[in-house]
Amino acid sequence: MMASTLLLMTACENKEQADSLSLASNSKQIVFFSDEEEYEEEISYYNAIIELKKEYPEEIKNMKVLTASEVEEYYNTFRVNHCPAILVYYHNHVIVQIQGDAETRDIINPIANALSRN
């Protein structure tokens, strides 16, 4: 009983954090965690975002960008512990996430697949 109460409280807290970002649970939302002080490490992410914008302009336009200082605040919601990271959030769940060092194609493919699924 206590475990289920704790699980329910955690789920509500995660939803509240997502709500504070104004994430719509009924549409797919891209969230990008960026550390502008380490932008050299994020070049492949920037390139991926540019490529994704060609196919998914509205999703990129509505993308939320969170700074390195916000990583800890949103860890429980997104399970991101460092920058760079990019994810797709849908129906109160992270459906795909890429974190850390990654090639541009390794970012584009899973994000595009998640955005194109019904």
Protein backbone atom coordinates (compact mmCIF):
# COMPACT_ATOMS: atom_id res chain seq x y z
CA MET A 1 0.00 0.00 0.00
CA MET A 2 2.75 2.44 0.94
CA ALA A 3 4.69 1.62 -2.25
CA SER A 4 1.64 2.30 -4.41
CA THR A 5 1.07 5.62 -2.62
CA LEU A 6 4.69 6.58 -3.21
CA LEU A 7 4.42 5.61 -6.89
CA LEU A 8 1.24 7.69 -7.27
CA MET A 9 2.87 10.69 -5.57
CA THR A 10 5.92 10.42 -7.87
CA ALA A 11 3.72 10.18 -10.96
CA CYS A 12 1.77 13.27 -9.89
CA GLU A 13 4.99 15.18 -9.20
CA ASN A 14 6.36 14.25 -12.63
CA LYS A 15 3.14 15.41 -14.29
CA GLU A 16 3.24 18.69 -12.34
CA GLN A 17 6.81 19.32 -13.50
CA ALA A 18 5.83 18.62 -17.11
CA ASP A 19 2.81 20.89 -16.69
CA SER A 20 5.08 23.68 -15.42
CA LEU A 21 6.85 23.52 -18.81
CA SER A 22 3.48 23.77 -20.57
CA LEU A 23 3.95 20.41 -22.27
CA ALA A 24 0.81 19.22 -24.00
CA SER A 25 0.31 15.56 -23.12
CA ASN A 26 -1.78 14.90 -26.24
CA SER A 27 0.88 16.03 -28.73
CA LYS A 28 4.48 14.97 -29.17
CA GLN A 29 6.86 17.46 -27.62
CA ILE A 30 10.61 17.69 -28.23
CA VAL A 31 12.68 18.75 -25.23
CA PHE A 32 16.34 19.69 -25.72
CA PHE A 33 18.74 20.02 -22.78
CA SER A 34 21.57 22.36 -23.74
CA ASP A 35 24.68 23.62 -21.98
CA GLU A 36 25.66 26.76 -23.84
CA GLU A 37 29.06 26.74 -22.13
CA GLU A 38 29.83 23.38 -23.78
CA TYR A 39 28.33 24.11 -27.20
CA GLU A 40 31.18 22.30 -29.01
CA GLU A 41 29.86 19.02 -27.59
CA GLU A 42 26.38 19.80 -28.96
CA ILE A 43 27.22 20.37 -32.63
CA SER A 44 25.72 17.03 -33.71
CA TYR A 45 22.53 17.93 -31.81
CA TYR A 46 22.30 21.32 -33.54
CA ASN A 47 22.85 19.64 -36.92
CA ALA A 48 20.14 17.08 -36.10
CA ILE A 49 17.70 19.82 -35.10
CA ILE A 50 18.36 21.65 -38.38
CA GLU A 51 17.70 18.45 -40.35
CA LEU A 52 14.60 17.55 -38.32
CA LYS A 53 13.19 21.04 -38.91
CA LYS A 54 12.93 20.29 -42.64
CA GLU A 55 10.54 17.38 -42.02
CA TYR A 56 8.97 18.46 -38.69
CA PRO A 57 8.91 22.28 -38.66
CA GLU A 58 6.05 22.63 -36.16
CA GLU A 59 7.58 20.19 -33.69
CA ILE A 60 10.91 22.02 -33.82
CA LYS A 61 9.16 25.39 -33.55
CA ASN A 62 7.44 24.14 -30.36
CA MET A 63 10.59 22.50 -28.96
CA LYS A 64 11.36 23.31 -25.34
CA VAL A 65 15.00 24.12 -24.59
CA LEU A 66 16.17 23.61 -21.02
CA THR A 67 19.54 24.75 -19.74
CA ALA A 68 22.13 22.73 -17.86
CA SER A 69 21.02 24.37 -14.62
CA GLU A 70 17.52 22.93 -15.14
CA VAL A 71 18.68 19.32 -15.60
CA GLU A 72 18.48 18.53 -11.89
CA GLU A 73 15.07 20.19 -11.53
CA TYR A 74 13.56 17.99 -14.24
CA TYR A 75 15.50 14.76 -13.59
CA ASN A 76 12.48 12.95 -12.10
CA THR A 77 10.33 13.85 -15.09
CA PHE A 78 12.77 13.12 -17.90
CA ARG A 79 15.60 11.02 -16.37
CA VAL A 80 18.19 13.31 -17.96
CA ASN A 81 21.30 13.76 -15.84
CA HIS A 82 23.57 15.76 -18.16
CA CYS A 83 23.69 17.80 -21.34
CA PRO A 84 23.38 17.49 -24.22
CA ALA A 85 20.18 15.48 -24.39
CA ILE A 86 17.09 15.47 -26.57
CA LEU A 87 13.85 13.59 -26.08
CA VAL A 88 10.28 13.26 -27.27
CA TYR A 89 7.58 13.46 -24.60
CA TYR A 90 4.07 12.15 -25.32
CA HIS A 91 1.11 11.20 -23.10
CA ASN A 92 3.15 11.99 -19.97
CA HIS A 93 5.99 9.64 -20.99
CA VAL A 94 9.40 9.94 -22.59
CA ILE A 95 9.06 7.85 -25.75
CA VAL A 96 12.60 8.34 -27.05
CA GLN A 97 15.71 9.89 -25.54
CA ILE A 98 19.27 10.49 -26.69
CA GLN A 99 21.84 11.69 -24.19
CA GLY A 100 25.52 12.53 -24.34
CA ASP A 101 27.92 12.05 -27.22
CA ALA A 102 26.02 10.98 -30.36
CA GLU A 103 26.40 11.28 -34.12
CA THR A 104 23.89 13.42 -36.01
CA ARG A 105 22.24 10.39 -37.69
CA ASP A 106 21.98 8.62 -34.32
CA ILE A 107 19.94 11.58 -33.11
CA ILE A 108 17.82 12.16 -36.22
CA ASN A 109 16.67 8.58 -36.79
CA PRO A 110 15.07 7.78 -33.40
CA ILE A 111 13.56 11.27 -33.06
CA ALA A 112 12.10 11.15 -36.59
CA ASN A 113 10.74 7.64 -35.97
CA ALA A 114 9.06 8.78 -32.75
CA LEU A 115 7.56 11.86 -34.40
CA SER A 116 6.22 9.94 -37.39
CA ARG A 117 4.54 7.16 -35.36
CA ASN A 118 0.81 7.46 -34.68
